[in-house]
């Protein structure tokens, strides 16, 4: 399955009361019932690179139409990383090398 994505951002938010780490972007799915989600991969093979897996969940009946959906991974655990790799079906989809830091 081929998938289109765009506008990926990784952010470490260190603001008091809102400290978190998040990765977000847009994914184009082929059916309106498909819901993309990012999950932390069980495979973490590089110490400074967080690996996330993009999964597509299907629920119910939807229209067969290209639909752009926002997807986000958020954690209160702020990792010490310099990049994020996102995989889909065990293939590298995107690599984010710039982490936005909000102090």
PDB file of N, CA and C in Angstrom:
ATOM      1  N   UNK A   1       0.838  -1.177   0.000  1.00  0.00           N
ATOM      2  CA  UNK A   1       0.000   0.000   0.000  1.00  0.00           C
ATOM      3  C   UNK A   1       0.886   1.244   0.000  1.00  0.00           C
ATOM      4  N   UNK A   2       0.663   2.121  -0.929  1.00  0.00           N
ATOM      5  CA  UNK A   2       1.408   3.370  -1.001  1.00  0.00           C
ATOM      6  C   UNK A   2       0.646   4.428  -0.209  1.00  0.00           C
ATOM      7  N   UNK A   3       1.385   5.291   0.464  1.00  0.00           N
ATOM      8  CA  UNK A   3       0.745   6.296   1.306  1.00  0.00           C
ATOM      9  C   UNK A   3       1.438   7.639   1.120  1.00  0.00           C
ATOM     10  N   UNK A   4       0.656   8.707   1.125  1.00  0.00           N
ATOM     11  CA  UNK A   4       1.197  10.059   0.987  1.00  0.00           C
ATOM     12  C   UNK A   4       1.092  10.781   2.328  1.00  0.00           C
ATOM     13  N   UNK A   5       2.146  11.517   2.658  1.00  0.00           N
ATOM     14  CA  UNK A   5       2.171  12.271   3.909  1.00  0.00           C
ATOM     15  C   UNK A   5       2.808  13.626   3.662  1.00  0.00           C
ATOM     16  N   UNK A   6       2.594  14.555   4.622  1.00  0.00           N
ATOM     17  CA  UNK A   6       3.250  15.859   4.503  1.00  0.00           C
ATOM     18  C   UNK A   6       3.208  16.583   5.845  1.00  0.00           C
ATOM     19  N   UNK A   7       3.974  17.667   5.923  1.00  0.00           N
ATOM     20  CA  UNK A   7       3.976  18.587   7.070  1.00  0.00           C
ATOM     21  C   UNK A   7       4.323  17.927   8.411  1.00  0.00           C
ATOM     22  N   UNK A   8       5.392  17.152   8.441  1.00  0.00           N
ATOM     23  CA  UNK A   8       5.790  16.486   9.678  1.00  0.00           C
ATOM     24  C   UNK A   8       6.565  17.440  10.584  1.00  0.00           C
ATOM     25  N   UNK A   9       6.281  17.388  11.879  1.00  0.00           N
ATOM     26  CA  UNK A   9       6.967  18.190  12.885  1.00  0.00           C
ATOM     27  C   UNK A   9       7.179  17.354  14.134  1.00  0.00           C
ATOM     28  N   UNK A  10       8.348  17.481  14.720  1.00  0.00           N
ATOM     29  CA  UNK A  10       8.642  16.871  16.026  1.00  0.00           C
ATOM     30  C   UNK A  10       8.945  18.014  16.985  1.00  0.00           C
ATOM     31  N   UNK A  11       8.342  17.985  18.171  1.00  0.00           N
ATOM     32  CA  UNK A  11       8.471  19.103  19.111  1.00  0.00           C
ATOM     33  C   UNK A  11       8.666  18.600  20.531  1.00  0.00           C
ATOM     34  N   UNK A  12       9.649  19.204  21.192  1.00  0.00           N
ATOM     35  CA  UNK A  12       9.827  19.016  22.633  1.00  0.00           C
ATOM     36  C   UNK A  12       9.348  20.304  23.285  1.00  0.00           C
ATOM     37  N   UNK A  13       8.304  20.187  24.090  1.00  0.00           N
ATOM     38  CA  UNK A  13       7.717  21.341  24.773  1.00  0.00           C
ATOM     39  C   UNK A  13       8.145  21.281  26.237  1.00  0.00           C
ATOM     40  N   UNK A  14       8.958  22.227  26.647  1.00  0.00           N
ATOM     41  CA  UNK A  14       9.458  22.254  28.030  1.00  0.00           C
ATOM     42  C   UNK A  14       8.765  23.324  28.875  1.00  0.00           C
ATOM     43  N   UNK A  15       7.665  23.856  28.388  1.00  0.00           N
ATOM     44  CA  UNK A  15       6.931  24.877  29.125  1.00  0.00           C
ATOM     45  C   UNK A  15       6.367  24.279  30.416  1.00  0.00           C
ATOM     46  N   UNK A  16       6.467  24.999  31.522  1.00  0.00           N
ATOM     47  CA  UNK A  16       5.930  24.486  32.790  1.00  0.00           C
ATOM     48  C   UNK A  16       4.443  24.149  32.679  1.00  0.00           C
ATOM     49  N   UNK A  17       4.094  22.987  33.183  1.00  0.00           N
ATOM     50  CA  UNK A  17       2.703  22.555  33.157  1.00  0.00           C
ATOM     51  C   UNK A  17       2.276  21.881  31.869  1.00  0.00           C
ATOM     52  N   UNK A  18       3.074  21.972  30.829  1.00  0.00           N
ATOM     53  CA  UNK A  18       2.708  21.370  29.541  1.00  0.00           C
ATOM     54  C   UNK A  18       3.851  20.561  28.951  1.00  0.00           C
ATOM     55  N   UNK A  19       4.807  20.185  29.770  1.00  0.00           N
ATOM     56  CA  UNK A  19       5.986  19.471  29.278  1.00  0.00           C
ATOM     57  C   UNK A  19       5.573  18.182  28.564  1.00  0.00           C
ATOM     58  N   UNK A  20       5.973  18.081  27.302  1.00  0.00           N
ATOM     59  CA  UNK A  20       5.615  16.898  26.523  1.00  0.00           C
ATOM     60  C   UNK A  20       6.487  16.817  25.271  1.00  0.00           C
ATOM     61  N   UNK A  21       6.383  15.686  24.621  1.00  0.00           N
ATOM     62  CA  UNK A  21       7.037  15.457  23.340  1.00  0.00           C
ATOM     63  C   UNK A  21       5.945  15.028  22.377  1.00  0.00           C
ATOM     64  N   UNK A  22       5.956  15.603  21.171  1.00  0.00           N
ATOM     65  CA  UNK A  22       4.952  15.189  20.197  1.00  0.00           C
ATOM     66  C   UNK A  22       5.496  15.242  18.778  1.00  0.00           C
ATOM     67  N   UNK A  23       4.922  14.388  17.969  1.00  0.00           N
ATOM     68  CA  UNK A  23       5.230  14.315  16.542  1.00  0.00           C
ATOM     69  C   UNK A  23       3.884  14.349  15.835  1.00  0.00           C
ATOM     70  N   UNK A  24       3.777  15.209  14.816  1.00  0.00           N
ATOM     71  CA  UNK A  24       2.500  15.286  14.116  1.00  0.00           C
ATOM     72  C   UNK A  24       2.706  15.603  12.640  1.00  0.00           C
ATOM     73  N   UNK A  25       1.703  15.255  11.851  1.00  0.00           N
ATOM     74  CA  UNK A  25       1.738  15.494  10.419  1.00  0.00           C
ATOM     75  C   UNK A  25       0.398  15.150   9.806  1.00  0.00           C
ATOM     76  N   UNK A  26       0.348  15.144   8.493  1.00  0.00           N
ATOM     77  CA  UNK A  26      -0.883  14.829   7.761  1.00  0.00           C
ATOM     78  C   UNK A  26      -0.657  13.598   6.899  1.00  0.00           C
ATOM     79  N   UNK A  27      -1.656  12.713   6.887  1.00  0.00           N
ATOM     80  CA  UNK A  27      -1.599  11.474   6.131  1.00  0.00           C
ATOM     81  C   UNK A  27      -2.818  11.425   5.218  1.00  0.00           C
ATOM     82  N   UNK A  28      -2.610  11.087   3.957  1.00  0.00           N
ATOM     83  CA  UNK A  28      -3.716  10.924   3.022  1.00  0.00           C
ATOM     84  C   UNK A  28      -4.080   9.446   2.972  1.00  0.00           C
ATOM     85  N   UNK A  29      -5.321   9.136   3.359  1.00  0.00           N
ATOM     86  CA  UNK A  29      -5.810   7.759   3.338  1.00  0.00           C
ATOM     87  C   UNK A  29      -6.772   7.595   2.167  1.00  0.00           C
ATOM     88  N   UNK A  30      -7.008   6.353   1.750  1.00  0.00           N
ATOM     89  CA  UNK A  30      -7.825   6.091   0.567  1.00  0.00           C
ATOM     90  C   UNK A  30      -9.296   5.835   0.878  1.00  0.00           C
ATOM     91  N   UNK A  31      -9.650   5.852   2.161  1.00  0.00           N
ATOM     92  CA  UNK A  31     -11.028   5.620   2.558  1.00  0.00           C
ATOM     93  C   UNK A  31     -11.311   6.475   3.787  1.00  0.00           C
ATOM     94  N   UNK A  32     -12.478   7.114   3.826  1.00  0.00           N
ATOM     95  CA  UNK A  32     -12.788   8.010   4.940  1.00  0.00           C
ATOM     96  C   UNK A  32     -12.928   7.278   6.269  1.00  0.00           C
ATOM     97  N   UNK A  33     -13.079   5.960   6.252  1.00  0.00           N
ATOM     98  CA  UNK A  33     -13.171   5.178   7.488  1.00  0.00           C
ATOM     99  C   UNK A  33     -11.800   4.798   8.040  1.00  0.00           C
ATOM    100  N   UNK A  34     -10.742   5.049   7.303  1.00  0.00           N
ATOM    101  CA  UNK A  34      -9.391   4.721   7.757  1.00  0.00           C
ATOM    102  C   UNK A  34      -8.881   5.819   8.683  1.00  0.00           C
ATOM    103  N   UNK A  35      -8.305   5.411   9.805  1.00  0.00           N
ATOM    104  CA  UNK A  35      -7.776   6.360  10.782  1.00  0.00           C
ATOM    105  C   UNK A  35      -6.297   6.069  11.000  1.00  0.00           C
ATOM    106  N   UNK A  36      -5.427   7.018  10.665  1.00  0.00           N
ATOM    107  CA  UNK A  36      -3.998   6.806  10.903  1.00  0.00           C
ATOM    108  C   UNK A  36      -3.653   7.091  12.359  1.00  0.00           C
ATOM    109  N   UNK A  37      -2.648   6.380  12.866  1.00  0.00           N
ATOM    110  CA  UNK A  37      -2.148   6.664  14.215  1.00  0.00           C
ATOM    111  C   UNK A  37      -0.676   6.313  14.284  1.00  0.00           C
ATOM    112  N   UNK A  38       0.028   7.034  15.148  1.00  0.00           N
ATOM    113  CA  UNK A  38       1.453   6.801  15.370  1.00  0.00           C
ATOM    114  C   UNK A  38       1.631   6.096  16.702  1.00  0.00           C
ATOM    115  N   UNK A  39       2.436   5.044  16.707  1.00  0.00           N
ATOM    116  CA  UNK A  39       2.743   4.314  17.942  1.00  0.00           C
ATOM    117  C   UNK A  39       4.251   4.132  18.039  1.00  0.00           C
ATOM    118  N   UNK A  40       4.735   4.085  19.259  1.00  0.00           N
ATOM    119  CA  UNK A  40       6.165   3.846  19.477  1.00  0.00           C
ATOM    120  C   UNK A  40       6.484   2.418  19.064  1.00  0.00           C
ATOM    121  N   UNK A  41       7.466   2.268  18.225  1.00  0.00           N
ATOM    122  CA  UNK A  41       7.856   0.956  17.729  1.00  0.00           C
ATOM    123  C   UNK A  41       8.528   0.134  18.823  1.00  0.00           C
ATOM    124  N   UNK A  42       8.328  -1.156  18.762  1.00  0.00           N
ATOM    125  CA  UNK A  42       9.034  -2.044  19.684  1.00  0.00           C
ATOM    126  C   UNK A  42      10.520  -2.082  19.341  1.00  0.00           C
ATOM    127  N   UNK A  43      10.850  -1.774  18.108  1.00  0.00           N
ATOM    128  CA  UNK A  43      12.242  -1.739  17.654  1.00  0.00           C
ATOM    129  C   UNK A  43      12.787  -0.323  17.858  1.00  0.00           C
ATOM    130  N   UNK A  44      13.725  -0.181  18.753  1.00  0.00           N
ATOM    131  CA  UNK A  44      14.417   1.091  18.983  1.00  0.00           C
ATOM    132  C   UNK A  44      15.905   0.807  18.825  1.00  0.00           C
ATOM    133  N   UNK A  45      16.384   0.793  17.579  1.00  0.00           N
ATOM    134  CA  UNK A  45      17.733   0.330  17.280  1.00  0.00           C
ATOM    135  C   UNK A  45      18.815   1.412  17.261  1.00  0.00           C
ATOM    136  N   UNK A  46      18.424   2.687  17.352  1.00  0.00           N
ATOM    137  CA  UNK A  46      19.419   3.758  17.373  1.00  0.00           C
ATOM    138  C   UNK A  46      19.180   4.611  18.611  1.00  0.00           C
ATOM    139  N   UNK A  47      20.205   4.858  19.410  1.00  0.00           N
ATOM    140  CA  UNK A  47      20.001   5.530  20.701  1.00  0.00           C
ATOM    141  C   UNK A  47      19.476   6.964  20.616  1.00  0.00           C
ATOM    142  N   UNK A  48      19.805   7.712  19.590  1.00  0.00           N
ATOM    143  CA  UNK A  48      19.361   9.116  19.493  1.00  0.00           C
ATOM    144  C   UNK A  48      18.232   9.308  18.487  1.00  0.00           C
ATOM    145  N   UNK A  49      17.676   8.205  17.994  1.00  0.00           N
ATOM    146  CA  UNK A  49      16.610   8.261  17.004  1.00  0.00           C
ATOM    147  C   UNK A  49      15.394   7.519  17.542  1.00  0.00           C
ATOM    148  N   UNK A  50      14.275   8.223  17.669  1.00  0.00           N
ATOM    149  CA  UNK A  50      13.035   7.592  18.094  1.00  0.00           C
ATOM    150  C   UNK A  50      12.352   7.006  16.873  1.00  0.00           C
ATOM    151  N   UNK A  51      11.993   5.736  16.950  1.00  0.00           N
ATOM    152  CA  UNK A  51      11.311   5.082  15.838  1.00  0.00           C
ATOM    153  C   UNK A  51       9.826   4.960  16.164  1.00  0.00           C
ATOM    154  N   UNK A  52       8.989   5.472  15.260  1.00  0.00           N
ATOM    155  CA  UNK A  52       7.538   5.377  15.388  1.00  0.00           C
ATOM    156  C   UNK A  52       6.990   4.596  14.202  1.00  0.00           C
ATOM    157  N   UNK A  53       5.896   3.886  14.430  1.00  0.00           N
ATOM    158  CA  UNK A  53       5.223   3.158  13.360  1.00  0.00           C
ATOM    159  C   UNK A  53       3.904   3.842  13.042  1.00  0.00           C
ATOM    160  N   UNK A  54       3.641   4.062  11.764  1.00  0.00           N
ATOM    161  CA  UNK A  54       2.363   4.577  11.311  1.00  0.00           C
ATOM    162  C   UNK A  54       1.458   3.387  11.044  1.00  0.00           C
ATOM    163  N   UNK A  55       0.324   3.369  11.709  1.00  0.00           N
ATOM    164  CA  UNK A  55      -0.648   2.301  11.519  1.00  0.00           C
ATOM    165  C   UNK A  55      -1.944   2.904  11.002  1.00  0.00           C
ATOM    166  N   UNK A  56      -2.629   2.154  10.160  1.00  0.00           N
ATOM    167  CA  UNK A  56      -3.907   2.593   9.614  1.00  0.00           C
ATOM    168  C   UNK A  56      -4.987   1.660  10.159  1.00  0.00           C
ATOM    169  N   UNK A  57      -5.887   2.227  10.967  1.00  0.00           N
ATOM    170  CA  UNK A  57      -6.992   1.465  11.523  1.00  0.00           C
ATOM    171  C   UNK A  57      -8.224   1.647  10.648  1.00  0.00           C
ATOM    172  N   UNK A  58      -8.958   0.555  10.446  1.00  0.00           N
ATOM    173  CA  UNK A  58     -10.185   0.604   9.668  1.00  0.00           C
ATOM    174  C   UNK A  58     -11.350   0.331  10.602  1.00  0.00           C
ATOM    175  N   UNK A  59     -12.312   1.246  10.620  1.00  0.00           N
ATOM    176  CA  UNK A  59     -13.492   1.045  11.456  1.00  0.00           C
ATOM    177  C   UNK A  59     -14.738   1.474  10.692  1.00  0.00           C
ATOM    178  N   UNK A  60     -15.640   0.567  10.525  1.00  0.00           N
ATOM    179  CA  UNK A  60     -16.892   0.892   9.856  1.00  0.00           C
ATOM    180  C   UNK A  60     -16.765   0.973   8.348  1.00  0.00           C
ATOM    181  N   UNK A  61     -17.795   1.523   7.755  1.00  0.00           N
ATOM    182  CA  UNK A  61     -17.868   1.666   6.311  1.00  0.00           C
ATOM    183  C   UNK A  61     -17.656   3.132   5.969  1.00  0.00           C
ATOM    184  N   UNK A  62     -16.794   3.383   5.019  1.00  0.00           N
ATOM    185  CA  UNK A  62     -16.516   4.757   4.625  1.00  0.00           C
ATOM    186  C   UNK A  62     -16.548   4.917   3.120  1.00  0.00           C
ATOM    187  N   UNK A  63     -16.356   6.127   2.708  1.00  0.00           N
ATOM    188  CA  UNK A  63     -16.321   6.436   1.283  1.00  0.00           C
ATOM    189  C   UNK A  63     -14.927   6.165   0.722  1.00  0.00           C
ATOM    190  N   UNK A  64     -14.860   5.614  -0.470  1.00  0.00           N
ATOM    191  CA  UNK A  64     -13.588   5.393  -1.138  1.00  0.00           C
ATOM    192  C   UNK A  64     -13.192   6.696  -1.809  1.00  0.00           C
ATOM    193  N   UNK A  65     -12.525   7.521  -1.033  1.00  0.00           N
ATOM    194  CA  UNK A  65     -12.127   8.844  -1.492  1.00  0.00           C
ATOM    195  C   UNK A  65     -10.851   9.227  -0.756  1.00  0.00           C
ATOM    196  N   UNK A  66      -9.942   9.918  -1.428  1.00  0.00           N
ATOM    197  CA  UNK A  66      -8.719  10.373  -0.767  1.00  0.00           C
ATOM    198  C   UNK A  66      -9.093  11.382   0.308  1.00  0.00           C
ATOM    199  N   UNK A  67      -8.658  11.100   1.530  1.00  0.00           N
ATOM    200  CA  UNK A  67      -8.998  11.938   2.675  1.00  0.00           C
ATOM    201  C   UNK A  67      -7.734  12.241   3.460  1.00  0.00           C
ATOM    202  N   UNK A  68      -7.477  13.511   3.700  1.00  0.00           N
ATOM    203  CA  UNK A  68      -6.298  13.895   4.478  1.00  0.00           C
ATOM    204  C   UNK A  68      -6.691  13.969   5.950  1.00  0.00           C
ATOM    205  N   UNK A  69      -5.895  13.291   6.789  1.00  0.00           N
ATOM    206  CA  UNK A  69      -6.174  13.260   8.222  1.00  0.00           C
ATOM    207  C   UNK A  69      -4.922  13.624   9.005  1.00  0.00           C
ATOM    208  N   UNK A  70      -5.149  14.330  10.097  1.00  0.00           N
ATOM    209  CA  UNK A  70      -4.068  14.719  11.003  1.00  0.00           C
ATOM    210  C   UNK A  70      -3.740  13.520  11.888  1.00  0.00           C
ATOM    211  N   UNK A  71      -2.459  13.304  12.137  1.00  0.00           N
ATOM    212  CA  UNK A  71      -2.028  12.212  13.010  1.00  0.00           C
ATOM    213  C   UNK A  71      -1.020  12.777  13.996  1.00  0.00           C
ATOM    214  N   UNK A  72      -1.055  12.266  15.242  1.00  0.00           N
ATOM    215  CA  UNK A  72      -0.172  12.805  16.274  1.00  0.00           C
ATOM    216  C   UNK A  72       0.236  11.712  17.260  1.00  0.00           C
ATOM    217  N   UNK A  73       1.493  11.773  17.659  1.00  0.00           N
ATOM    218  CA  UNK A  73       2.016  10.953  18.749  1.00  0.00           C
ATOM    219  C   UNK A  73       2.393  11.927  19.852  1.00  0.00           C
ATOM    220  N   UNK A  74       1.932  11.671  21.074  1.00  0.00           N
ATOM    221  CA  UNK A  74       2.238  12.577  22.176  1.00  0.00           C
ATOM    222  C   UNK A  74       2.588  11.767  23.406  1.00  0.00           C
ATOM    223  N   UNK A  75       3.611  12.255  24.127  1.00  0.00           N
ATOM    224  CA  UNK A  75       4.071  11.573  25.330  1.00  0.00           C
ATOM    225  C   UNK A  75       4.549  12.606  26.347  1.00  0.00           C
ATOM    226  N   UNK A  76       4.303  12.333  27.613  1.00  0.00           N
ATOM    227  CA  UNK A  76       4.833  13.212  28.658  1.00  0.00           C
ATOM    228  C   UNK A  76       6.273  12.846  28.987  1.00  0.00           C
ATOM    229  N   UNK A  77       6.722  11.700  28.499  1.00  0.00           N
ATOM    230  CA  UNK A  77       8.121  11.292  28.633  1.00  0.00           C
ATOM    231  C   UNK A  77       8.910  12.001  27.539  1.00  0.00           C
ATOM    232  N   UNK A  78       9.794  12.902  27.919  1.00  0.00           N
ATOM    233  CA  UNK A  78      10.560  13.662  26.934  1.00  0.00           C
ATOM    234  C   UNK A  78      11.878  12.938  26.669  1.00  0.00           C
ATOM    235  N   UNK A  79      12.002  12.316  25.487  1.00  0.00           N
ATOM    236  CA  UNK A  79      13.211  11.551  25.183  1.00  0.00           C
ATOM    237  C   UNK A  79      14.381  12.464  24.824  1.00  0.00           C
ATOM    238  N   UNK A  80      15.582  11.935  24.991  1.00  0.00           N
ATOM    239  CA  UNK A  80      16.800  12.648  24.615  1.00  0.00           C
ATOM    240  C   UNK A  80      17.180  12.178  23.212  1.00  0.00           C
ATOM    241  N   UNK A  81      16.566  12.797  22.218  1.00  0.00           N
ATOM    242  CA  UNK A  81      16.751  12.353  20.835  1.00  0.00           C
ATOM    243  C   UNK A  81      17.139  13.520  19.934  1.00  0.00           C
ATOM    244  N   UNK A  82      17.671  13.181  18.773  1.00  0.00           N
ATOM    245  CA  UNK A  82      18.023  14.198  17.777  1.00  0.00           C
ATOM    246  C   UNK A  82      17.249  14.012  16.471  1.00  0.00           C
ATOM    247  N   UNK A  83      16.533  12.892  16.343  1.00  0.00           N
ATOM    248  CA  UNK A  83      15.752  12.655  15.131  1.00  0.00           C
ATOM    249  C   UNK A  83      14.623  11.661  15.409  1.00  0.00           C
ATOM    250  N   UNK A  84      13.656  11.652  14.501  1.00  0.00           N
ATOM    251  CA  UNK A  84      12.517  10.729  14.575  1.00  0.00           C
ATOM    252  C   UNK A  84      12.383  10.057  13.224  1.00  0.00           C
ATOM    253  N   UNK A  85      12.260   8.740  13.226  1.00  0.00           N
ATOM    254  CA  UNK A  85      12.031   7.976  11.998  1.00  0.00           C
ATOM    255  C   UNK A  85      10.639   7.369  12.068  1.00  0.00           C
ATOM    256  N   UNK A  86       9.865   7.556  11.003  1.00  0.00           N
ATOM    257  CA  UNK A  86       8.515   7.022  10.954  1.00  0.00           C
ATOM    258  C   UNK A  86       8.469   5.942   9.878  1.00  0.00           C
ATOM    259  N   UNK A  87       8.006   4.768  10.276  1.00  0.00           N
ATOM    260  CA  UNK A  87       7.944   3.612   9.386  1.00  0.00           C
ATOM    261  C   UNK A  87       6.501   3.233   9.111  1.00  0.00           C
ATOM    262  N   UNK A  88       6.255   2.768   7.893  1.00  0.00           N
ATOM    263  CA  UNK A  88       4.953   2.235   7.513  1.00  0.00           C
ATOM    264  C   UNK A  88       5.188   0.905   6.823  1.00  0.00           C
ATOM    265  N   UNK A  89       4.592  -0.152   7.363  1.00  0.00           N
ATOM    266  CA  UNK A  89       4.778  -1.510   6.848  1.00  0.00           C
ATOM    267  C   UNK A  89       6.262  -1.861   6.745  1.00  0.00           C
ATOM    268  N   UNK A  90       7.006  -1.548   7.804  1.00  0.00           N
ATOM    269  CA  UNK A  90       8.441  -1.840   7.940  1.00  0.00           C
ATOM    270  C   UNK A  90       9.334  -1.146   6.907  1.00  0.00           C
ATOM    271  N   UNK A  91       8.828  -0.095   6.287  1.00  0.00           N
ATOM    272  CA  UNK A  91       9.636   0.698   5.353  1.00  0.00           C
ATOM    273  C   UNK A  91       9.686   2.135   5.855  1.00  0.00           C
ATOM    274  N   UNK A  92      10.876   2.734   5.764  1.00  0.00           N
ATOM    275  CA  UNK A  92      11.039   4.113   6.213  1.00  0.00           C
ATOM    276  C   UNK A  92      10.173   5.031   5.367  1.00  0.00           C
ATOM    277  N   UNK A  93       9.322   5.782   6.043  1.00  0.00           N
ATOM    278  CA  UNK A  93       8.419   6.707   5.370  1.00  0.00           C
ATOM    279  C   UNK A  93       8.972   8.123   5.399  1.00  0.00           C
ATOM    280  N   UNK A  94       9.438   8.541   6.574  1.00  0.00           N
ATOM    281  CA  UNK A  94       9.974   9.896   6.727  1.00  0.00           C
ATOM    282  C   UNK A  94      10.949   9.914   7.898  1.00  0.00           C
ATOM    283  N   UNK A  95      11.936  10.801   7.775  1.00  0.00           N
ATOM    284  CA  UNK A  95      12.899  11.008   8.858  1.00  0.00           C
ATOM    285  C   UNK A  95      12.895  12.497   9.190  1.00  0.00           C
ATOM    286  N   UNK A  96      12.635  12.815  10.441  1.00  0.00           N
ATOM    287  CA  UNK A  96      12.617  14.205  10.901  1.00  0.00           C
ATOM    288  C   UNK A  96      13.929  14.452  11.631  1.00  0.00           C
ATOM    289  N   UNK A  97      14.761  15.323  11.077  1.00  0.00           N
ATOM    290  CA  UNK A  97      16.076  15.583  11.650  1.00  0.00           C
ATOM    291  C   UNK A  97      16.151  16.873  12.452  1.00  0.00           C
ATOM    292  N   UNK A  98      15.105  17.671  12.422  1.00  0.00           N
ATOM    293  CA  UNK A  98      15.077  18.906  13.205  1.00  0.00           C
ATOM    294  C   UNK A  98      13.964  18.827  14.234  1.00  0.00           C
ATOM    295  N   UNK A  99      14.342  18.872  15.505  1.00  0.00           N
ATOM    296  CA  UNK A  99      13.377  18.818  16.600  1.00  0.00           C
ATOM    297  C   UNK A  99      13.144  20.243  17.086  1.00  0.00           C
ATOM    298  N   UNK A 100      11.902  20.687  17.025  1.00  0.00           N
ATOM    299  CA  UNK A 100      11.529  22.012  17.510  1.00  0.00           C
ATOM    300  C   UNK A 100      11.485  21.968  19.037  1.00  0.00           C
ATOM    301  N   UNK A 101      12.198  22.887  19.695  1.00  0.00           N
ATOM    302  CA  UNK A 101      12.222  22.913  21.160  1.00  0.00           C
ATOM    303  C   UNK A 101      11.568  24.207  21.628  1.00  0.00           C
ATOM    304  N   UNK A 102      10.549  24.062  22.481  1.00  0.00           N
ATOM    305  CA  UNK A 102       9.832  25.194  23.037  1.00  0.00           C
ATOM    306  C   UNK A 102      10.190  25.284  24.512  1.00  0.00           C
ATOM    307  N   UNK A 103      10.845  26.386  24.908  1.00  0.00           N
ATOM    308  CA  UNK A 103      11.246  26.581  26.316  1.00  0.00           C
ATOM    309  C   UNK A 103      10.311  27.547  27.010  1.00  0.00           C
TER     310      UNK A 103
END
